[in-house]
PDB file of N, CA and C in Angstrom:
ATOM      1  N   MET A   1      97.760  63.134-120.930  1.00  0.00           N
ATOM      2  CA  MET A   1      97.900  64.407-120.379  1.00  0.00           C
ATOM      3  C   MET A   1      96.729  64.775-120.891  1.00  0.00           C
ATOM      4  N   PRO A   2      95.417  65.449-119.819  1.00  0.00           N
ATOM      5  CA  PRO A   2      94.419  65.666-120.242  1.00  0.00           C
ATOM      6  C   PRO A   2      94.449  67.256-121.044  1.00  0.00           C
ATOM      7  N   ALA A   3      93.549  67.364-122.105  1.00  0.00           N
ATOM      8  CA  ALA A   3      94.007  68.623-123.011  1.00  0.00           C
ATOM      9  C   ALA A   3      93.167  69.998-122.394  1.00  0.00           C
ATOM     10  N   LEU A   4      93.510  71.028-122.610  1.00  0.00           N
ATOM     11  CA  LEU A   4      92.949  72.319-121.664  1.00  0.00           C
ATOM     12  C   LEU A   4      91.959  73.009-123.215  1.00  0.00           C
ATOM     13  N   ARG A   5      90.978  73.400-122.490  1.00  0.00           N
ATOM     14  CA  ARG A   5      89.981  73.973-123.557  1.00  0.00           C
ATOM     15  C   ARG A   5      90.133  75.415-123.369  1.00  0.00           C
ATOM     16  N   THR A   6      89.854  76.085-124.385  1.00  0.00           N
ATOM     17  CA  THR A   6      90.343  77.431-124.908  1.00  0.00           C
ATOM     18  C   THR A   6      89.653  78.234-123.449  1.00  0.00           C
ATOM     19  N   GLU A   7      88.628  77.865-122.927  1.00  0.00           N
ATOM     20  CA  GLU A   7      87.795  78.821-121.915  1.00  0.00           C
ATOM     21  C   GLU A   7      88.426  78.409-120.749  1.00  0.00           C
ATOM     22  N   GLU A   8      88.999  77.316-120.377  1.00  0.00           N
ATOM     23  CA  GLU A   8      90.174  77.272-119.267  1.00  0.00           C
ATOM     24  C   GLU A   8      90.927  77.944-119.064  1.00  0.00           C
ATOM     25  N   VAL A   9      91.598  78.037-120.179  1.00  0.00           N
ATOM     26  CA  VAL A   9      93.067  79.012-120.295  1.00  0.00           C
ATOM     27  C   VAL A   9      92.690  80.261-119.862  1.00  0.00           C
ATOM     28  N   PHE A  10      91.279  80.619-120.254  1.00  0.00           N
ATOM     29  CA  PHE A  10      91.252  82.239-120.676  1.00  0.00           C
ATOM     30  C   PHE A  10      90.539  82.349-119.503  1.00  0.00           C
ATOM     31  N   TRP A  11      90.076  81.365-118.589  1.00  0.00           N
ATOM     32  CA  TRP A  11      89.217  81.673-117.116  1.00  0.00           C
ATOM     33  C   TRP A  11      90.716  81.733-116.281  1.00  0.00           C
ATOM     34  N   ALA A  12      91.720  81.151-116.496  1.00  0.00           N
ATOM     35  CA  ALA A  12      92.746  81.156-115.352  1.00  0.00           C
ATOM     36  C   ALA A  12      93.654  82.689-115.607  1.00  0.00           C
ATOM     37  N   HIS A  13      93.401  83.005-116.713  1.00  0.00           N
ATOM     38  CA  HIS A  13      94.157  83.974-116.851  1.00  0.00           C
ATOM     39  C   HIS A  13      93.367  85.251-116.224  1.00  0.00           C
ATOM     40  N   ALA A  14      91.797  85.098-116.315  1.00  0.00           N
ATOM     41  CA  ALA A  14      90.933  85.925-115.444  1.00  0.00           C
ATOM     42  C   ALA A  14      90.993  86.033-113.821  1.00  0.00           C
ATOM     43  N   GLN A  15      91.567  84.768-113.184  1.00  0.00           N
ATOM     44  CA  GLN A  15      91.863  84.645-111.772  1.00  0.00           C
ATOM     45  C   GLN A  15      93.041  84.852-111.416  1.00  0.00           C
ATOM     46  N   VAL A  16      94.012  85.011-112.661  1.00  0.00           N
ATOM     47  CA  VAL A  16      95.221  85.578-112.141  1.00  0.00           C
ATOM     48  C   VAL A  16      95.350  87.129-112.064  1.00  0.00           C
ATOM     49  N   PHE A  17      94.597  87.616-113.170  1.00  0.00           N
ATOM     50  CA  PHE A  17      94.284  88.965-113.044  1.00  0.00           C
ATOM     51  C   PHE A  17      93.724  89.692-111.437  1.00  0.00           C
ATOM     52  N   ALA A  18      92.990  88.950-111.626  1.00  0.00           N
ATOM     53  CA  ALA A  18      91.765  89.428-110.408  1.00  0.00           C
ATOM     54  C   ALA A  18      92.735  89.272-109.199  1.00  0.00           C
ATOM     55  N   ALA A  19      93.394  88.068-109.054  1.00  0.00           N
ATOM     56  CA  ALA A  19      94.184  88.340-107.789  1.00  0.00           C
ATOM     57  C   ALA A  19      95.245  89.320-107.548  1.00  0.00           C
ATOM     58  N   ILE A  20      95.539  89.593-108.288  1.00  0.00           N
ATOM     59  CA  ILE A  20      96.712  90.952-108.352  1.00  0.00           C
ATOM     60  C   ILE A  20      96.157  91.973-108.387  1.00  0.00           C
ATOM     61  N   GLY A  21      94.589  92.569-108.705  1.00  0.00           N
ATOM     62  CA  GLY A  21      94.165  93.493-108.322  1.00  0.00           C
ATOM     63  C   GLY A  21      94.115  94.334-109.887  1.00  0.00           C
ATOM     64  N   HIS A  22      93.883  93.588-111.070  1.00  0.00           N
ATOM     65  CA  HIS A  22      94.192  94.237-112.213  1.00  0.00           C
ATOM     66  C   HIS A  22      92.473  94.005-112.774  1.00  0.00           C
ATOM     67  N   THR A  23      91.792  94.283-112.412  1.00  0.00           N
ATOM     68  CA  THR A  23      90.159  94.158-112.450  1.00  0.00           C
ATOM     69  C   THR A  23      89.864  94.323-113.868  1.00  0.00           C
ATOM     70  N   GLY A  24      90.546  95.569-114.761  1.00  0.00           N
ATOM     71  CA  GLY A  24      90.077  95.330-116.070  1.00  0.00           C
ATOM     72  C   GLY A  24      90.402  94.384-116.944  1.00  0.00           C
ATOM     73  N   GLU A  25      91.666  93.734-116.783  1.00  0.00           N
ATOM     74  CA  GLU A  25      92.314  92.491-117.560  1.00  0.00           C
ATOM     75  C   GLU A  25      91.459  91.108-117.061  1.00  0.00           C
ATOM     76  N   ALA A  26      91.297  91.472-115.757  1.00  0.00           N
ATOM     77  CA  ALA A  26      90.534  89.900-115.292  1.00  0.00           C
ATOM     78  C   ALA A  26      88.983  90.279-116.039  1.00  0.00           C
ATOM     79  N   ALA A  27      88.614  91.168-116.312  1.00  0.00           N
ATOM     80  CA  ALA A  27      86.825  91.576-116.648  1.00  0.00           C
ATOM     81  C   ALA A  27      87.287  90.928-118.157  1.00  0.00           C
ATOM     82  N   LEU A  28      88.160  91.429-118.700  1.00  0.00           N
ATOM     83  CA  LEU A  28      88.447  90.842-120.353  1.00  0.00           C
ATOM     84  C   LEU A  28      88.770  89.750-120.792  1.00  0.00           C
ATOM     85  N   TRP A  29      89.592  89.143-119.736  1.00  0.00           N
ATOM     86  CA  TRP A  29      89.884  87.030-120.089  1.00  0.00           C
ATOM     87  C   TRP A  29      88.315  86.522-119.310  1.00  0.00           C
ATOM     88  N   ARG A  30      87.607  87.239-118.302  1.00  0.00           N
ATOM     89  CA  ARG A  30      86.479  86.181-117.905  1.00  0.00           C
ATOM     90  C   ARG A  30      85.490  86.666-119.244  1.00  0.00           C
ATOM     91  N   ASP A  31      85.224  87.681-119.726  1.00  0.00           N
ATOM     92  CA  ASP A  31      84.542  87.824-121.253  1.00  0.00           C
ATOM     93  C   ASP A  31      84.500  86.996-121.932  1.00  0.00           C
ATOM     94  N   ARG A  32      86.251  86.956-122.341  1.00  0.00           N
ATOM     95  CA  ARG A  32      86.282  85.852-123.507  1.00  0.00           C
ATOM     96  C   ARG A  32      85.921  84.313-123.047  1.00  0.00           C
ATOM     97  N   ALA A  33      86.062  84.098-121.732  1.00  0.00           N
ATOM     98  CA  ALA A  33      85.851  82.869-121.541  1.00  0.00           C
ATOM     99  C   ALA A  33      84.327  82.875-121.413  1.00  0.00           C
ATOM    100  N   ASP A  34      83.663  83.366-121.238  1.00  0.00           N
ATOM    101  CA  ASP A  34      82.294  83.612-121.339  1.00  0.00           C
ATOM    102  C   ASP A  34      81.670  83.115-122.786  1.00  0.00           C
ATOM    103  N   LYS A  35      82.534  83.915-123.753  1.00  0.00           N
ATOM    104  CA  LYS A  35      81.912  83.972-125.111  1.00  0.00           C
ATOM    105  C   LYS A  35      82.377  82.404-125.435  1.00  0.00           C
ATOM    106  N   VAL A  36      83.615  82.113-125.158  1.00  0.00           N
ATOM    107  CA  VAL A  36      84.049  80.955-125.996  1.00  0.00           C
ATOM    108  C   VAL A  36      82.810  79.870-125.405  1.00  0.00           C
ATOM    109  N   VAL A  37      82.445  79.631-124.325  1.00  0.00           N
ATOM    110  CA  VAL A  37      81.813  78.702-123.243  1.00  0.00           C
ATOM    111  C   VAL A  37      80.064  79.087-124.221  1.00  0.00           C
ATOM    112  N   MET A  38      79.727  80.190-124.252  1.00  0.00           N
ATOM    113  CA  MET A  38      78.266  80.271-124.781  1.00  0.00           C
ATOM    114  C   MET A  38      78.703  80.152-126.460  1.00  0.00           C
ATOM    115  N   ASP A  39      79.601  80.277-127.012  1.00  0.00           N
ATOM    116  CA  ASP A  39      79.526  80.105-129.021  1.00  0.00           C
ATOM    117  C   ASP A  39      79.564  78.368-128.809  1.00  0.00           C
ATOM    118  N   LYS A  40      80.355  77.573-127.930  1.00  0.00           N
ATOM    119  CA  LYS A  40      80.248  76.134-127.772  1.00  0.00           C
ATOM    120  C   LYS A  40      78.771  75.843-127.411  1.00  0.00           C
ATOM    121  N   ALA A  41      78.161  76.473-126.803  1.00  0.00           N
ATOM    122  CA  ALA A  41      76.661  76.097-126.339  1.00  0.00           C
ATOM    123  C   ALA A  41      75.650  76.084-127.627  1.00  0.00           C
ATOM    124  N   SER A  42      76.055  77.072-128.090  1.00  0.00           N
ATOM    125  CA  SER A  42      74.931  77.473-129.269  1.00  0.00           C
ATOM    126  C   SER A  42      74.936  76.389-130.278  1.00  0.00           C
ATOM    127  N   THR A  43      76.199  75.639-130.502  1.00  0.00           N
ATOM    128  CA  THR A  43      76.060  74.709-131.557  1.00  0.00           C
ATOM    129  C   THR A  43      75.324  73.532-131.014  1.00  0.00           C
ATOM    130  N   ILE A  44      75.109  73.390-129.624  1.00  0.00           N
ATOM    131  CA  ILE A  44      74.206  72.200-129.374  1.00  0.00           C
ATOM    132  C   ILE A  44      72.748  72.403-129.484  1.00  0.00           C
ATOM    133  N   GLY A  45      72.337  71.150-130.425  1.00  0.00           N
ATOM    134  CA  GLY A  45      70.932  71.455-130.828  1.00  0.00           C
ATOM    135  C   GLY A  45      69.920  71.048-129.826  1.00  0.00           C
ATOM    136  N   SER A  46      70.308  70.210-128.879  1.00  0.00           N
ATOM    137  CA  SER A  46      69.084  69.855-127.788  1.00  0.00           C
ATOM    138  C   SER A  46      69.070  70.793-126.567  1.00  0.00           C
ATOM    139  N   PRO A  47      67.888  71.424-126.426  1.00  0.00           N
ATOM    140  CA  PRO A  47      67.949  72.318-125.164  1.00  0.00           C
ATOM    141  C   PRO A  47      68.302  71.770-123.715  1.00  0.00           C
ATOM    142  N   ASP A  48      68.361  70.468-123.836  1.00  0.00           N
ATOM    143  CA  ASP A  48      68.677  69.554-122.483  1.00  0.00           C
ATOM    144  C   ASP A  48      70.188  69.619-122.477  1.00  0.00           C
ATOM    145  N   ASP A  49      70.690  69.251-123.467  1.00  0.00           N
ATOM    146  CA  ASP A  49      72.209  69.256-123.658  1.00  0.00           C
ATOM    147  C   ASP A  49      72.619  70.248-123.434  1.00  0.00           C
ATOM    148  N   ARG A  50      72.317  71.232-124.165  1.00  0.00           N
ATOM    149  CA  ARG A  50      72.687  72.876-123.909  1.00  0.00           C
ATOM    150  C   ARG A  50      72.903  73.021-122.552  1.00  0.00           C
ATOM    151  N   GLN A  51      71.645  72.778-121.952  1.00  0.00           N
ATOM    152  CA  GLN A  51      71.321  73.299-120.527  1.00  0.00           C
ATOM    153  C   GLN A  51      72.305  72.323-119.379  1.00  0.00           C
ATOM    154  N   ALA A  52      72.732  71.031-120.181  1.00  0.00           N
ATOM    155  CA  ALA A  52      73.628  70.225-119.072  1.00  0.00           C
ATOM    156  C   ALA A  52      75.126  70.641-119.585  1.00  0.00           C
ATOM    157  N   PHE A  53      75.455  71.207-120.717  1.00  0.00           N
ATOM    158  CA  PHE A  53      76.918  71.543-120.869  1.00  0.00           C
ATOM    159  C   PHE A  53      77.072  73.170-120.102  1.00  0.00           C
ATOM    160  N   LEU A  54      76.203  73.799-119.895  1.00  0.00           N
ATOM    161  CA  LEU A  54      76.279  75.301-119.388  1.00  0.00           C
ATOM    162  C   LEU A  54      76.196  75.034-117.658  1.00  0.00           C
ATOM    163  N   SER A  55      75.551  73.884-117.181  1.00  0.00           N
ATOM    164  CA  SER A  55      75.225  73.624-115.910  1.00  0.00           C
ATOM    165  C   SER A  55      76.164  72.716-115.125  1.00  0.00           C
ATOM    166  N   ARG A  56      76.396  71.396-115.940  1.00  0.00           N
ATOM    167  CA  ARG A  56      77.066  70.234-115.288  1.00  0.00           C
ATOM    168  C   ARG A  56      78.738  70.066-115.690  1.00  0.00           C
ATOM    169  N   VAL A  57      79.123  71.184-116.232  1.00  0.00           N
ATOM    170  CA  VAL A  57      80.491  71.121-116.583  1.00  0.00           C
ATOM    171  C   VAL A  57      81.093  72.002-115.625  1.00  0.00           C
ATOM    172  N   PRO A  58      81.668  71.460-114.853  1.00  0.00           N
ATOM    173  CA  PRO A  58      82.338  72.507-113.457  1.00  0.00           C
ATOM    174  C   PRO A  58      82.833  73.743-113.921  1.00  0.00           C
ATOM    175  N   VAL A  59      83.736  73.884-115.097  1.00  0.00           N
ATOM    176  CA  VAL A  59      84.376  75.038-115.459  1.00  0.00           C
ATOM    177  C   VAL A  59      83.368  76.084-116.264  1.00  0.00           C
ATOM    178  N   ASN A  60      82.640  75.193-117.155  1.00  0.00           N
ATOM    179  CA  ASN A  60      81.867  76.388-117.564  1.00  0.00           C
ATOM    180  C   ASN A  60      80.543  76.783-116.613  1.00  0.00           C
ATOM    181  N   ARG A  61      80.282  76.496-115.698  1.00  0.00           N
ATOM    182  CA  ARG A  61      79.071  76.753-114.505  1.00  0.00           C
ATOM    183  C   ARG A  61      79.911  77.434-113.612  1.00  0.00           C
ATOM    184  N   GLU A  62      81.449  77.601-113.479  1.00  0.00           N
ATOM    185  CA  GLU A  62      81.655  78.891-112.847  1.00  0.00           C
ATOM    186  C   GLU A  62      82.206  79.824-113.716  1.00  0.00           C
ATOM    187  N   ILE A  63      82.449  80.006-114.496  1.00  0.00           N
ATOM    188  CA  ILE A  63      82.675  80.938-115.683  1.00  0.00           C
ATOM    189  C   ILE A  63      81.630  81.557-115.764  1.00  0.00           C
ATOM    190  N   LEU A  64      80.121  81.072-116.190  1.00  0.00           N
ATOM    191  CA  LEU A  64      78.882  81.674-116.475  1.00  0.00           C
ATOM    192  C   LEU A  64      78.708  82.373-115.013  1.00  0.00           C
ATOM    193  N   LEU A  65      78.443  81.980-113.844  1.00  0.00           N
ATOM    194  CA  LEU A  65      78.247  82.672-112.365  1.00  0.00           C
ATOM    195  C   LEU A  65      78.947  83.758-112.262  1.00  0.00           C
ATOM    196  N   ASN A  66      80.260  83.513-112.497  1.00  0.00           N
ATOM    197  CA  ASN A  66      81.264  84.608-112.113  1.00  0.00           C
ATOM    198  C   ASN A  66      81.047  85.697-112.986  1.00  0.00           C
ATOM    199  N   GLY A  67      80.573  85.561-114.179  1.00  0.00           N
ATOM    200  CA  GLY A  67      80.375  86.624-115.275  1.00  0.00           C
ATOM    201  C   GLY A  67      79.119  87.165-115.090  1.00  0.00           C
ATOM    202  N   GLN A  68      78.069  86.709-114.434  1.00  0.00           N
ATOM    203  CA  GLN A  68      76.784  87.138-114.173  1.00  0.00           C
ATOM    204  C   GLN A  68      77.011  88.412-112.935  1.00  0.00           C
ATOM    205  N   ALA A  69      77.927  87.762-111.735  1.00  0.00           N
ATOM    206  CA  ALA A  69      78.119  88.366-110.534  1.00  0.00           C
ATOM    207  C   ALA A  69      78.640  89.524-110.523  1.00  0.00           C
ATOM    208  N   SER A  70      79.450  90.131-111.765  1.00  0.00           N
ATOM    209  CA  SER A  70      80.190  91.175-112.124  1.00  0.00           C
ATOM    210  C   SER A  70      79.302  92.439-113.037  1.00  0.00           C
TER     211      SER A  70
END
């Protein structure tokens, strides 16, 4: 069974709350997901590897793009 990462769980929460029109709760969970991704990215020493982590991991990319859009 694949492991779920914290940011994936937080992102799923955000999507559910957005789907039922609870925009405040959705934003809260989206921000939490964004923070987890950025905290993990900050531990990656290589700028190229950090950028790959942010842009090539589909859930990370989705979280960051949706965070910027709101």
